Amino acid sequence: MRKLLFLGLSVCLAFFVLSSCTKDKDEEEFPVKYLVGKWQVTHIEHEQGKMLDVTSLIGSLVFKPTFAIFEEDGTYKTEGEFGEVEGTFLIEGKTITCSFRGEDFLSYEVLSMTNENCELIMSMPNEEEQIHIKCKKVD
């Protein structure tokens, strides 16, 4: 009985030690190499969580083609619906913070990212509104 109790405690201790040494999945960073390149906004959330394809004929009538370009040197450029801005970006965990003239301009919470597609929550500092967007890499 003691051996069984000791074995059970050993397994619990090993599980505790191993699980406390690994990073939580929510905190894991996405591969930075996926971010580098030119991204086009393809979908934007509108009423009641529905995603509008802004590349469709109807979507393109209400939403200007919008791009973000992220460079390996930490610089970025936006063009389109959200303005034309050049600045720098910083990645912390799953958050990309873009700065313009030393001030935070936009932040993106990465929900998912591959080398071809991403899904993000975009927000501006000091504003409550968040925009759920999907993008595809175009180069």
Protein backbone atom coordinates (compact mmCIF):
# COMPACT_ATOMS: atom_id res chain seq x y z
CA MET A 1 0.00 0.00 0.00
CA ARG A 2 2.87 2.37 0.81
CA LYS A 3 4.46 1.65 -2.55
CA LEU A 4 1.20 2.49 -4.30
CA LEU A 5 0.83 5.72 -2.32
CA PHE A 6 4.46 6.67 -2.99
CA LEU A 7 4.03 5.93 -6.71
CA GLY A 8 0.86 8.07 -6.83
CA LEU A 9 2.58 10.97 -5.09
CA SER A 10 5.58 10.66 -7.42
CA VAL A 11 3.36 10.81 -10.49
CA CYS A 12 1.51 13.87 -9.11
CA LEU A 13 4.80 15.60 -8.27
CA ALA A 14 6.24 14.86 -11.71
CA PHE A 15 3.07 16.19 -13.38
CA PHE A 16 3.19 19.35 -11.26
CA VAL A 17 6.87 19.99 -12.00
CA LEU A 18 6.53 19.35 -15.75
CA SER A 19 3.37 21.39 -16.17
CA SER A 20 4.78 24.38 -14.30
CA CYS A 21 7.87 24.40 -16.55
CA THR A 22 5.99 24.66 -19.83
CA LYS A 23 4.57 27.84 -21.29
CA ASP A 24 0.82 28.24 -21.37
CA LYS A 25 -0.52 27.90 -24.91
CA ASP A 26 -2.14 31.36 -24.61
CA GLU A 27 1.24 32.94 -23.90
CA GLU A 28 3.12 31.32 -26.77
CA GLU A 29 4.34 33.63 -29.47
CA PHE A 30 3.59 32.97 -33.10
CA PRO A 31 6.61 32.52 -35.38
CA VAL A 32 7.82 36.05 -36.22
CA LYS A 33 8.85 34.86 -39.68
CA TYR A 34 5.12 34.47 -40.44
CA LEU A 35 4.50 38.17 -39.79
CA VAL A 36 7.10 39.55 -42.19
CA GLY A 37 5.53 40.50 -45.52
CA LYS A 38 2.52 42.29 -46.98
CA TRP A 39 -0.91 41.46 -45.54
CA GLN A 40 -4.32 42.40 -46.95
CA VAL A 41 -7.43 42.72 -44.80
CA THR A 42 -9.95 40.27 -46.29
CA HIS A 43 -12.71 40.19 -43.68
CA ILE A 44 -13.94 42.56 -41.02
CA GLU A 45 -16.49 41.88 -38.32
CA HIS A 46 -19.71 43.81 -38.56
CA GLU A 47 -23.17 43.35 -37.05
CA GLN A 48 -23.58 40.57 -34.50
CA GLY A 49 -20.21 38.94 -35.12
CA LYS A 50 -20.71 38.28 -38.83
CA MET A 51 -17.61 38.66 -40.99
CA LEU A 52 -17.89 40.78 -44.14
CA ASP A 53 -15.63 39.77 -47.05
CA VAL A 54 -14.20 43.18 -47.92
CA THR A 55 -12.62 41.79 -51.10
CA SER A 56 -16.05 40.94 -52.54
CA LEU A 57 -17.82 43.34 -54.91
CA ILE A 58 -20.17 44.60 -52.18
CA GLY A 59 -17.44 44.69 -49.53
CA SER A 60 -15.10 46.69 -51.75
CA LEU A 61 -17.80 49.35 -52.20
CA VAL A 62 -17.77 50.15 -48.47
CA PHE A 63 -14.20 49.22 -47.48
CA LYS A 64 -11.10 50.55 -49.22
CA PRO A 65 -8.42 47.87 -49.96
CA THR A 66 -6.24 47.84 -46.86
CA PHE A 67 -2.71 46.52 -46.38
CA ALA A 68 -0.06 46.28 -43.67
CA ILE A 69 3.57 45.58 -44.50
CA PHE A 70 5.85 44.25 -41.76
CA GLU A 71 9.61 44.23 -42.37
CA GLU A 72 12.30 42.12 -40.70
CA ASP A 73 13.95 45.26 -39.31
CA GLY A 74 10.91 46.05 -37.11
CA THR A 75 9.35 48.68 -39.37
CA TYR A 76 5.85 48.61 -40.78
CA LYS A 77 3.63 50.54 -43.17
CA THR A 78 -0.16 50.67 -43.49
CA GLU A 79 -2.21 51.83 -46.43
CA GLY A 80 -5.94 51.88 -47.05
CA GLU A 81 -9.04 52.19 -44.88
CA PHE A 82 -7.14 52.81 -41.63
CA GLY A 83 -4.82 55.46 -43.06
CA GLU A 84 -1.30 55.59 -44.45
CA VAL A 85 1.27 55.35 -41.70
CA GLU A 86 4.90 54.26 -41.39
CA GLY A 87 6.42 53.33 -38.07
CA THR A 88 7.85 50.52 -35.98
CA PHE A 89 6.37 47.44 -34.35
CA LEU A 90 7.09 45.37 -31.27
CA ILE A 91 5.92 41.85 -30.51
CA GLU A 92 5.15 40.78 -26.95
CA GLY A 93 3.58 37.36 -26.57
CA LYS A 94 0.63 37.34 -28.96
CA THR A 95 0.37 41.13 -29.23
CA ILE A 96 1.81 43.26 -32.02
CA THR A 97 2.07 46.94 -31.04
CA CYS A 98 2.61 49.43 -33.86
CA SER A 99 4.04 52.87 -33.10
CA PHE A 100 4.07 56.07 -35.15
CA ARG A 101 6.47 58.89 -34.19
CA GLY A 102 7.15 57.23 -30.86
CA GLU A 103 3.46 56.87 -29.91
CA ASP A 104 1.49 53.62 -29.91
CA PHE A 105 -0.86 53.75 -32.89
CA LEU A 106 -2.47 50.29 -33.21
CA SER A 107 -2.25 46.95 -31.50
CA TYR A 108 -3.19 43.55 -32.80
CA GLU A 109 -3.98 40.55 -30.63
CA VAL A 110 -3.10 37.49 -32.69
CA LEU A 111 -5.87 34.90 -32.51
CA SER A 112 -4.24 32.69 -35.14
CA MET A 113 -1.45 33.06 -37.67
CA THR A 114 0.08 30.92 -40.38
CA ASN A 115 2.45 31.94 -43.14
CA GLU A 116 -0.58 32.63 -45.37
CA ASN A 117 -3.49 33.78 -43.15
CA CYS A 118 -4.13 35.44 -39.82
CA GLU A 119 -7.01 36.39 -37.58
CA LEU A 120 -6.58 39.40 -35.32
CA ILE A 121 -8.33 41.72 -32.88
CA MET A 122 -7.29 45.26 -33.75
CA SER A 123 -7.54 48.14 -31.30
CA MET A 124 -6.28 51.67 -30.80
CA PRO A 125 -4.84 52.95 -27.52
CA ASN A 126 -7.34 54.57 -25.15
CA GLU A 127 -10.32 53.39 -27.20
CA GLU A 128 -12.70 50.64 -26.16
CA GLU A 129 -13.69 49.58 -29.66
CA GLN A 130 -11.99 46.50 -31.01
CA ILE A 131 -12.23 45.24 -34.57
CA HIS A 132 -12.04 41.54 -35.44
CA ILE A 133 -10.28 41.14 -38.82
CA LYS A 134 -8.93 38.37 -41.04
CA CYS A 135 -6.02 38.89 -43.41
CA LYS A 136 -4.11 37.03 -46.09
CA LYS A 137 -0.49 37.40 -47.09
CA VAL A 138 -0.21 38.82 -50.58
CA ASP A 139 3.54 38.55 -51.16
